[in-house]
Amino acid sequence: MLVAALFVPQMVGGVYTGLGRAEPPAFRPLATLWLFMSVAVWFWGYSRAHRVPWIMDMGWFLMVAWFVVVPYYIISREGGRGVLRIGLFLLTYLAAVAAGWATAIWTRLLCGAE
């Protein structure tokens, strides 16, 4: 689900860009919400598997500061392997951005949009 939350919005945005059209106004907020929710669901499963205790309001805290909270817990539980896991996430994010650019280019080439 996390990989889909990274790739799908980038590729859909690439189609819109390739066609020369603006994205719908709700597209980016929904894509961001999808990413936040998939990170929360993944971290919930991760924390259960690694017995990470959750504070009472971890859900809202995670939504606001996930980019700090999640790496902290991963590195504290896994050490060097956690850094590799974080690097894999960043690499996947960059691959999603590249896939969005490639989708925009291919859409522009195939549809002949100006």
Protein backbone atom coordinates (compact mmCIF):
# COMPACT_ATOMS: atom_id res chain seq x y z
CA MET A 1 0.00 0.00 0.00
CA LEU A 2 2.88 2.36 0.78
CA VAL A 3 4.53 1.80 -2.60
CA ALA A 4 1.21 2.37 -4.36
CA ALA A 5 0.72 5.59 -2.38
CA LEU A 6 4.07 6.77 -3.73
CA PHE A 7 3.76 5.66 -7.36
CA VAL A 8 0.09 6.10 -8.30
CA PRO A 9 -0.24 9.85 -7.58
CA GLN A 10 3.06 10.56 -9.35
CA MET A 11 1.99 8.66 -12.44
CA VAL A 12 -1.50 10.16 -12.50
CA GLY A 13 0.06 13.60 -12.12
CA GLY A 14 2.39 12.69 -14.98
CA VAL A 15 -0.58 11.90 -17.21
CA TYR A 16 -2.16 15.27 -16.41
CA THR A 17 1.14 17.05 -17.04
CA GLY A 18 1.71 15.14 -20.26
CA LEU A 19 -1.74 16.11 -21.51
CA GLY A 20 -1.10 19.73 -20.56
CA ARG A 21 -4.02 19.83 -18.15
CA ALA A 22 -4.23 20.99 -14.56
CA GLU A 23 -4.79 18.43 -11.85
CA PRO A 24 -8.11 18.59 -10.02
CA PRO A 25 -7.87 20.82 -6.91
CA ALA A 26 -8.44 17.89 -4.52
CA PHE A 27 -5.84 15.64 -6.14
CA ARG A 28 -2.73 16.66 -4.17
CA PRO A 29 -4.44 16.81 -0.75
CA LEU A 30 -5.94 13.35 -1.34
CA ALA A 31 -2.58 11.97 -2.50
CA THR A 32 -0.92 13.41 0.60
CA LEU A 33 -3.62 11.95 2.85
CA TRP A 34 -3.18 8.57 1.15
CA LEU A 35 0.56 8.69 1.80
CA PHE A 36 0.09 9.72 5.45
CA MET A 37 -2.48 7.00 6.05
CA SER A 38 -0.36 4.31 4.40
CA VAL A 39 2.67 5.33 6.49
CA ALA A 40 0.48 5.20 9.62
CA VAL A 41 -0.86 1.74 8.74
CA TRP A 42 2.64 0.45 7.91
CA PHE A 43 4.08 1.88 11.12
CA TRP A 44 1.22 0.43 13.15
CA GLY A 45 2.06 -3.05 11.80
CA TYR A 46 5.78 -2.42 12.25
CA SER A 47 5.37 -1.26 15.83
CA ARG A 48 3.21 -4.28 16.69
CA ALA A 49 5.80 -6.65 15.21
CA HIS A 50 8.68 -4.94 17.05
CA ARG A 51 6.73 -4.24 20.26
CA VAL A 52 7.04 -0.46 20.07
CA PRO A 53 4.70 1.04 22.68
CA TRP A 54 2.34 3.73 21.41
CA ILE A 55 1.53 6.84 23.39
CA MET A 56 -2.16 7.68 23.74
CA ASP A 57 -2.30 10.14 20.82
CA MET A 58 0.29 8.48 18.58
CA GLY A 59 -2.09 8.54 15.60
CA TRP A 60 -2.34 12.34 15.45
CA PHE A 61 1.29 12.77 16.44
CA LEU A 62 2.29 10.38 13.68
CA MET A 63 0.24 12.32 11.12
CA VAL A 64 2.03 15.57 12.02
CA ALA A 65 5.59 14.38 12.59
CA TRP A 66 5.88 11.01 10.83
CA PHE A 67 9.06 12.02 9.00
CA VAL A 68 10.79 12.38 12.41
CA VAL A 69 8.96 9.77 14.51
CA VAL A 70 9.15 6.82 12.12
CA PRO A 71 12.92 7.06 11.39
CA TYR A 72 13.63 7.52 15.11
CA TYR A 73 11.82 4.32 16.05
CA ILE A 74 13.23 2.37 13.09
CA ILE A 75 16.83 3.36 13.83
CA SER A 76 16.40 2.82 17.58
CA ARG A 77 15.01 -0.70 17.01
CA GLU A 78 17.09 -1.87 14.05
CA GLY A 79 20.25 0.24 14.05
CA GLY A 80 22.12 -0.05 10.75
CA ARG A 81 19.41 -2.16 9.15
CA GLY A 82 16.99 0.65 9.96
CA VAL A 83 19.13 3.13 8.04
CA LEU A 84 19.00 0.76 5.06
CA ARG A 85 15.20 0.55 5.40
CA ILE A 86 14.95 4.36 5.41
CA GLY A 87 17.28 4.53 2.41
CA LEU A 88 15.05 2.04 0.59
CA PHE A 89 12.03 4.27 1.26
CA LEU A 90 13.88 7.32 -0.09
CA LEU A 91 15.01 5.37 -3.14
CA THR A 92 11.42 4.25 -3.74
CA TYR A 93 10.26 7.86 -3.46
CA LEU A 94 12.83 8.97 -6.03
CA ALA A 95 11.83 6.10 -8.32
CA ALA A 96 8.18 7.22 -8.03
CA VAL A 97 9.13 10.79 -9.00
CA ALA A 98 11.12 9.46 -11.96
CA ALA A 99 8.15 7.29 -12.98
CA GLY A 100 5.92 10.37 -12.87
CA TRP A 101 8.32 12.29 -15.11
CA ALA A 102 8.57 9.34 -17.48
CA THR A 103 4.78 9.06 -17.59
CA ALA A 104 4.51 12.76 -18.44
CA ILE A 105 7.06 12.42 -21.23
CA TRP A 106 5.44 9.30 -22.69
CA THR A 107 1.97 10.81 -22.48
CA ARG A 108 3.18 13.93 -24.26
CA LEU A 109 4.88 11.83 -26.96
CA LEU A 110 2.00 9.41 -27.48
CA CYS A 111 -0.77 11.99 -27.45
CA GLY A 112 1.11 14.75 -29.19
CA ALA A 113 -0.01 17.31 -26.60
CA GLU A 114 1.48 20.75 -26.98
